[in-house]
Every structure is written in C-alpha cells, then in structure tokens.
PDB file of all heavy atoms in Angstrom:
ATOM      1  N   GLU A   1      -1.679   5.154 -19.387  1.00  0.00           N
ATOM      2  CA  GLU A   1      -2.177   3.836 -19.745  1.00  0.00           C
ATOM      3  C   GLU A   1      -1.801   2.810 -18.677  1.00  0.00           C
ATOM      4  O   GLU A   1      -1.016   3.094 -17.764  1.00  0.00           O
ATOM      5  CB  GLU A   1      -1.605   3.414 -21.103  1.00  0.00           C
ATOM      6  CG  GLU A   1      -1.966   4.337 -22.251  1.00  0.00           C
ATOM      7  CD  GLU A   1      -3.452   4.365 -22.509  1.00  0.00           C
ATOM      8  OE1 GLU A   1      -4.096   3.303 -22.387  1.00  0.00           O
ATOM      9  OE2 GLU A   1      -3.984   5.455 -22.816  1.00  0.00           O
ATOM     10  N   ALA A   2      -2.340   1.593 -18.828  1.00  0.00           N
ATOM     11  CA  ALA A   2      -2.089   0.539 -17.847  1.00  0.00           C
ATOM     12  C   ALA A   2      -0.607   0.252 -17.674  1.00  0.00           C
ATOM     13  O   ALA A   2      -0.159  -0.124 -16.581  1.00  0.00           O
ATOM     14  CB  ALA A   2      -2.829  -0.736 -18.265  1.00  0.00           C
ATOM     15  N   GLY A   3       0.168   0.456 -18.728  1.00  0.00           N
ATOM     16  CA  GLY A   3       1.600   0.207 -18.660  1.00  0.00           C
ATOM     17  C   GLY A   3       2.342   1.101 -17.682  1.00  0.00           C
ATOM     18  O   GLY A   3       3.507   0.826 -17.347  1.00  0.00           O
ATOM     19  N   GLU A   4       1.708   2.162 -17.208  1.00  0.00           N
ATOM     20  CA  GLU A   4       2.338   3.022 -16.202  1.00  0.00           C
ATOM     21  C   GLU A   4       2.472   2.309 -14.857  1.00  0.00           C
ATOM     22  O   GLU A   4       3.294   2.695 -14.019  1.00  0.00           O
ATOM     23  CB  GLU A   4       1.530   4.316 -16.008  1.00  0.00           C
ATOM     24  CG  GLU A   4       1.530   5.244 -17.191  1.00  0.00           C
ATOM     25  CD  GLU A   4       2.894   5.860 -17.435  1.00  0.00           C
ATOM     26  OE1 GLU A   4       3.720   5.912 -16.498  1.00  0.00           O
ATOM     27  OE2 GLU A   4       3.144   6.296 -18.582  1.00  0.00           O
ATOM     28  N   LEU A   5       1.686   1.278 -14.625  1.00  0.00           N
ATOM     29  CA  LEU A   5       1.758   0.530 -13.368  1.00  0.00           C
ATOM     30  C   LEU A   5       3.040  -0.289 -13.320  1.00  0.00           C
ATOM     31  O   LEU A   5       3.335  -1.059 -14.240  1.00  0.00           O
ATOM     32  CB  LEU A   5       0.550  -0.397 -13.230  1.00  0.00           C
ATOM     33  CG  LEU A   5      -0.794   0.277 -12.952  1.00  0.00           C
ATOM     34  CD1 LEU A   5      -1.938  -0.664 -13.314  1.00  0.00           C
ATOM     35  CD2 LEU A   5      -0.896   0.704 -11.491  1.00  0.00           C
ATOM     36  N   HIS A   6       3.809  -0.147 -12.249  1.00  0.00           N
ATOM     37  CA  HIS A   6       5.041  -0.924 -12.101  1.00  0.00           C
ATOM     38  C   HIS A   6       5.365  -1.094 -10.627  1.00  0.00           C
ATOM     39  O   HIS A   6       4.926  -0.311  -9.769  1.00  0.00           O
ATOM     40  CB  HIS A   6       6.204  -0.235 -12.821  1.00  0.00           C
ATOM     41  CG  HIS A   6       6.553   1.105 -12.242  1.00  0.00           C
ATOM     42  ND1 HIS A   6       5.862   2.260 -12.533  1.00  0.00           N
ATOM     43  CD2 HIS A   6       7.536   1.480 -11.368  1.00  0.00           C
ATOM     44  CE1 HIS A   6       6.388   3.280 -11.885  1.00  0.00           C
ATOM     45  NE2 HIS A   6       7.410   2.834 -11.168  1.00  0.00           N
ATOM     46  N   LEU A   7       6.144  -2.123 -10.317  1.00  0.00           N
ATOM     47  CA  LEU A   7       6.553  -2.372  -8.942  1.00  0.00           C
ATOM     48  C   LEU A   7       7.640  -1.388  -8.525  1.00  0.00           C
ATOM     49  O   LEU A   7       8.510  -1.031  -9.313  1.00  0.00           O
ATOM     50  CB  LEU A   7       7.071  -3.802  -8.790  1.00  0.00           C
ATOM     51  CG  LEU A   7       6.032  -4.926  -8.836  1.00  0.00           C
ATOM     52  CD1 LEU A   7       6.725  -6.278  -8.741  1.00  0.00           C
ATOM     53  CD2 LEU A   7       5.007  -4.774  -7.726  1.00  0.00           C
ATOM     54  N   ALA A   8       7.572  -0.966  -7.260  1.00  0.00           N
ATOM     55  CA  ALA A   8       8.579  -0.062  -6.720  1.00  0.00           C
ATOM     56  C   ALA A   8       8.673  -0.262  -5.219  1.00  0.00           C
ATOM     57  O   ALA A   8       7.807  -0.893  -4.601  1.00  0.00           O
ATOM     58  CB  ALA A   8       8.220   1.388  -7.035  1.00  0.00           C
ATOM     59  N   GLU A   9       9.728   0.252  -4.630  1.00  0.00           N
ATOM     60  CA  GLU A   9       9.879   0.227  -3.183  1.00  0.00           C
ATOM     61  C   GLU A   9       9.543   1.624  -2.660  1.00  0.00           C
ATOM     62  O   GLU A   9      10.125   2.614  -3.095  1.00  0.00           O
ATOM     63  CB  GLU A   9      11.308  -0.162  -2.801  1.00  0.00           C
ATOM     64  CG  GLU A   9      11.460  -0.509  -1.333  1.00  0.00           C
ATOM     65  CD  GLU A   9      12.771  -1.214  -1.039  1.00  0.00           C
ATOM     66  OE1 GLU A   9      13.108  -2.171  -1.768  1.00  0.00           O
ATOM     67  OE2 GLU A   9      13.460  -0.805  -0.089  1.00  0.00           O
ATOM     68  N   VAL A  10       8.576   1.678  -1.741  1.00  0.00           N
ATOM     69  CA  VAL A  10       8.102   2.964  -1.226  1.00  0.00           C
ATOM     70  C   VAL A  10       8.101   2.919   0.300  1.00  0.00           C
ATOM     71  O   VAL A  10       8.174   1.836   0.901  1.00  0.00           O
ATOM     72  CB  VAL A  10       6.682   3.275  -1.747  1.00  0.00           C
ATOM     73  CG1 VAL A  10       6.666   3.345  -3.266  1.00  0.00           C
ATOM     74  CG2 VAL A  10       5.678   2.241  -1.253  1.00  0.00           C
ATOM     75  N   PRO A  11       8.002   4.058   0.974  1.00  0.00           N
ATOM     76  CA  PRO A  11       7.958   4.048   2.438  1.00  0.00           C
ATOM     77  C   PRO A  11       6.758   3.281   2.962  1.00  0.00           C
ATOM     78  O   PRO A  11       5.653   3.376   2.412  1.00  0.00           O
ATOM     79  CB  PRO A  11       7.855   5.537   2.793  1.00  0.00           C
ATOM     80  CG  PRO A  11       8.452   6.247   1.624  1.00  0.00           C
ATOM     81  CD  PRO A  11       8.063   5.428   0.427  1.00  0.00           C
ATOM     82  N   ALA A  12       6.962   2.504   4.016  1.00  0.00           N
ATOM     83  CA  ALA A  12       5.849   1.806   4.663  1.00  0.00           C
ATOM     84  C   ALA A  12       4.991   2.817   5.403  1.00  0.00           C
ATOM     85  O   ALA A  12       5.486   3.864   5.835  1.00  0.00           O
ATOM     86  CB  ALA A  12       6.380   0.753   5.629  1.00  0.00           C
ATOM     87  N   PRO A  13       3.681   2.559   5.545  1.00  0.00           N
ATOM     88  CA  PRO A  13       2.795   3.535   6.185  1.00  0.00           C
ATOM     89  C   PRO A  13       2.993   3.615   7.694  1.00  0.00           C
ATOM     90  O   PRO A  13       3.497   2.681   8.329  1.00  0.00           O
ATOM     91  CB  PRO A  13       1.402   3.001   5.853  1.00  0.00           C
ATOM     92  CG  PRO A  13       1.594   1.525   5.738  1.00  0.00           C
ATOM     93  CD  PRO A  13       2.940   1.356   5.095  1.00  0.00           C
ATOM     94  N   ILE A  14       2.593   4.740   8.260  1.00  0.00           N
ATOM     95  CA  ILE A  14       2.587   4.950   9.704  1.00  0.00           C
ATOM     96  C   ILE A  14       1.150   5.229  10.125  1.00  0.00           C
ATOM     97  O   ILE A  14       0.485   6.089   9.550  1.00  0.00           O
ATOM     98  CB  ILE A  14       3.488   6.134  10.098  1.00  0.00           C
ATOM     99  CG1 ILE A  14       4.936   5.839   9.701  1.00  0.00           C
ATOM    100  CG2 ILE A  14       3.383   6.428  11.592  1.00  0.00           C
ATOM    101  CD1 ILE A  14       5.870   7.016   9.903  1.00  0.00           C
ATOM    102  N   ALA A  15       0.655   4.485  11.114  1.00  0.00           N
ATOM    103  CA  ALA A  15      -0.725   4.657  11.569  1.00  0.00           C
ATOM    104  C   ALA A  15      -0.864   5.911  12.413  1.00  0.00           C
ATOM    105  O   ALA A  15       0.027   6.265  13.190  1.00  0.00           O
ATOM    106  CB  ALA A  15      -1.163   3.443  12.375  1.00  0.00           C
ATOM    107  N   VAL A  16      -1.997   6.608  12.249  1.00  0.00           N
ATOM    108  CA  VAL A  16      -2.322   7.758  13.094  1.00  0.00           C
ATOM    109  C   VAL A  16      -3.742   7.585  13.629  1.00  0.00           C
ATOM    110  O   VAL A  16      -4.603   6.968  12.998  1.00  0.00           O
ATOM    111  CB  VAL A  16      -2.211   9.094  12.320  1.00  0.00           C
ATOM    112  CG1 VAL A  16      -0.791   9.322  11.851  1.00  0.00           C
ATOM    113  CG2 VAL A  16      -3.163   9.112  11.129  1.00  0.00           C
ATOM    114  N   LEU A  17      -3.977   8.105  14.833  1.00  0.00           N
ATOM    115  CA  LEU A  17      -5.296   8.110  15.455  1.00  0.00           C
ATOM    116  C   LEU A  17      -5.920   6.714  15.457  1.00  0.00           C
ATOM    117  O   LEU A  17      -5.378   5.794  16.044  1.00  0.00           O
ATOM    118  CB  LEU A  17      -6.191   9.147  14.777  1.00  0.00           C
ATOM    119  CG  LEU A  17      -5.667  10.594  14.839  1.00  0.00           C
ATOM    120  CD1 LEU A  17      -6.553  11.530  14.035  1.00  0.00           C
ATOM    121  CD2 LEU A  17      -5.562  11.054  16.281  1.00  0.00           C
ATOM    122  N   ASP A  18      -7.070   6.534  14.772  1.00  0.00           N
ATOM    123  CA  ASP A  18      -7.797   5.266  14.852  1.00  0.00           C
ATOM    124  C   ASP A  18      -7.348   4.248  13.813  1.00  0.00           C
ATOM    125  O   ASP A  18      -7.979   3.199  13.662  1.00  0.00           O
ATOM    126  CB  ASP A  18      -9.298   5.515  14.681  1.00  0.00           C
ATOM    127  CG  ASP A  18      -9.683   5.849  13.238  1.00  0.00           C
ATOM    128  OD1 ASP A  18      -8.851   6.467  12.525  1.00  0.00           O
ATOM    129  OD2 ASP A  18     -10.799   5.491  12.825  1.00  0.00           O
ATOM    130  N   GLU A  19      -6.276   4.520  13.100  1.00  0.00           N
ATOM    131  CA  GLU A  19      -5.898   3.642  11.996  1.00  0.00           C
ATOM    132  C   GLU A  19      -5.249   2.342  12.449  1.00  0.00           C
ATOM    133  O   GLU A  19      -4.501   2.313  13.435  1.00  0.00           O
ATOM    134  CB  GLU A  19      -4.945   4.359  11.047  1.00  0.00           C
ATOM    135  CG  GLU A  19      -5.613   5.445  10.234  1.00  0.00           C
ATOM    136  CD  GLU A  19      -4.644   6.161   9.328  1.00  0.00           C
ATOM    137  OE1 GLU A  19      -3.420   6.069   9.547  1.00  0.00           O
ATOM    138  OE2 GLU A  19      -5.111   6.823   8.389  1.00  0.00           O
ATOM    139  N   LEU A  20      -5.556   1.265  11.699  1.00  0.00           N
ATOM    140  CA  LEU A  20      -4.855   0.003  11.814  1.00  0.00           C
ATOM    141  C   LEU A  20      -3.854  -0.070  10.668  1.00  0.00           C
ATOM    142  O   LEU A  20      -4.018   0.581   9.640  1.00  0.00           O
ATOM    143  CB  LEU A  20      -5.807  -1.187  11.705  1.00  0.00           C
ATOM    144  CG  LEU A  20      -6.950  -1.333  12.694  1.00  0.00           C
ATOM    145  CD1 LEU A  20      -8.166  -0.547  12.247  1.00  0.00           C
ATOM    146  CD2 LEU A  20      -7.321  -2.822  12.828  1.00  0.00           C
ATOM    147  N   ILE A  21      -2.834  -0.897  10.836  1.00  0.00           N
ATOM    148  CA  ILE A  21      -1.982  -1.267   9.714  1.00  0.00           C
ATOM    149  C   ILE A  21      -2.306  -2.711   9.374  1.00  0.00           C
ATOM    150  O   ILE A  21      -2.315  -3.585  10.248  1.00  0.00           O
ATOM    151  CB  ILE A  21      -0.483  -1.142  10.035  1.00  0.00           C
ATOM    152  CG1 ILE A  21      -0.138   0.303  10.403  1.00  0.00           C
ATOM    153  CG2 ILE A  21       0.360  -1.597   8.843  1.00  0.00           C
ATOM    154  CD1 ILE A  21      -0.284   1.298   9.272  1.00  0.00           C
ATOM    155  N   VAL A  22      -2.610  -2.950   8.112  1.00  0.00           N
ATOM    156  CA  VAL A  22      -2.978  -4.284   7.642  1.00  0.00           C
ATOM    157  C   VAL A  22      -1.919  -4.787   6.669  1.00  0.00           C
ATOM    158  O   VAL A  22      -1.476  -4.042   5.780  1.00  0.00           O
ATOM    159  CB  VAL A  22      -4.360  -4.259   6.945  1.00  0.00           C
ATOM    160  CG1 VAL A  22      -4.672  -5.609   6.311  1.00  0.00           C
ATOM    161  CG2 VAL A  22      -5.452  -3.863   7.934  1.00  0.00           C
ATOM    162  N   ARG A  23      -1.499  -6.016   6.852  1.00  0.00           N
ATOM    163  CA  ARG A  23      -0.638  -6.682   5.871  1.00  0.00           C
ATOM    164  C   ARG A  23      -1.558  -7.206   4.789  1.00  0.00           C
ATOM    165  O   ARG A  23      -2.389  -8.093   5.031  1.00  0.00           O
ATOM    166  CB  ARG A  23       0.127  -7.837   6.541  1.00  0.00           C
ATOM    167  CG  ARG A  23       0.989  -8.662   5.563  1.00  0.00           C
ATOM    168  CD  ARG A  23       2.180  -7.842   5.056  1.00  0.00           C
ATOM    169  NE  ARG A  23       3.235  -8.686   4.540  1.00  0.00           N
ATOM    170  CZ  ARG A  23       3.428  -8.945   3.244  1.00  0.00           C
ATOM    171  NH1 ARG A  23       2.609  -8.444   2.346  1.00  0.00           N
ATOM    172  NH2 ARG A  23       4.443  -9.699   2.859  1.00  0.00           N
ATOM    173  N   VAL A  24      -1.474  -6.630   3.605  1.00  0.00           N
ATOM    174  CA  VAL A  24      -2.397  -6.954   2.524  1.00  0.00           C
ATOM    175  C   VAL A  24      -2.030  -8.298   1.897  1.00  0.00           C
ATOM    176  O   VAL A  24      -0.871  -8.522   1.519  1.00  0.00           O
ATOM    177  CB  VAL A  24      -2.396  -5.848   1.452  1.00  0.00           C
ATOM    178  CG1 VAL A  24      -3.351  -6.210   0.314  1.00  0.00           C
ATOM    179  CG2 VAL A  24      -2.772  -4.509   2.062  1.00  0.00           C
ATOM    180  N   ILE A  25      -3.008  -9.178   1.800  1.00  0.00           N
ATOM    181  CA  ILE A  25      -2.804 -10.459   1.120  1.00  0.00           C
ATOM    182  C   ILE A  25      -3.377 -10.409  -0.294  1.00  0.00           C
ATOM    183  O   ILE A  25      -2.799 -10.948  -1.238  1.00  0.00           O
ATOM    184  CB  ILE A  25      -3.425 -11.605   1.925  1.00  0.00           C
ATOM    185  CG1 ILE A  25      -2.670 -11.760   3.251  1.00  0.00           C
ATOM    186  CG2 ILE A  25      -3.378 -12.926   1.143  1.00  0.00           C
ATOM    187  CD1 ILE A  25      -3.249 -12.793   4.168  1.00  0.00           C
ATOM    188  N   ALA A  26      -4.521  -9.746  -0.446  1.00  0.00           N
ATOM    189  CA  ALA A  26      -5.143  -9.622  -1.767  1.00  0.00           C
ATOM    190  C   ALA A  26      -5.808  -8.257  -1.881  1.00  0.00           C
ATOM    191  O   ALA A  26      -6.295  -7.707  -0.887  1.00  0.00           O
ATOM    192  CB  ALA A  26      -6.157 -10.733  -1.995  1.00  0.00           C
ATOM    193  N   ALA A  27      -5.827  -7.724  -3.102  1.00  0.00           N
ATOM    194  CA  ALA A  27      -6.429  -6.416  -3.364  1.00  0.00           C
ATOM    195  C   ALA A  27      -7.356  -6.523  -4.568  1.00  0.00           C
ATOM    196  O   ALA A  27      -6.966  -7.040  -5.613  1.00  0.00           O
ATOM    197  CB  ALA A  27      -5.339  -5.379  -3.633  1.00  0.00           C
ATOM    198  N   GLY A  28      -8.575  -6.057  -4.398  1.00  0.00           N
ATOM    199  CA  GLY A  28      -9.509  -6.058  -5.517  1.00  0.00           C
ATOM    200  C   GLY A  28      -9.240  -4.895  -6.450  1.00  0.00           C
ATOM    201  O   GLY A  28      -8.705  -3.859  -6.050  1.00  0.00           O
TER     202      GLY A  28
END
C-alpha cells in the first residue's frame, strides 16, 4: 500500500557511458 513509501538514505548514483547525473528538484 501507499504507506510502504518512506524516506531513507541510499547510495548516490554513479553515471556510466552516456548518463548525466541530475539534481532532482521536482518529480511527477
């Protein structure tokens, strides 16, 4: 259920090949 969503601290991503890293301001 929706209640499963919670804040946590996770590893930051590492870019590979053509990837950019974006600092997310908003998420749809």
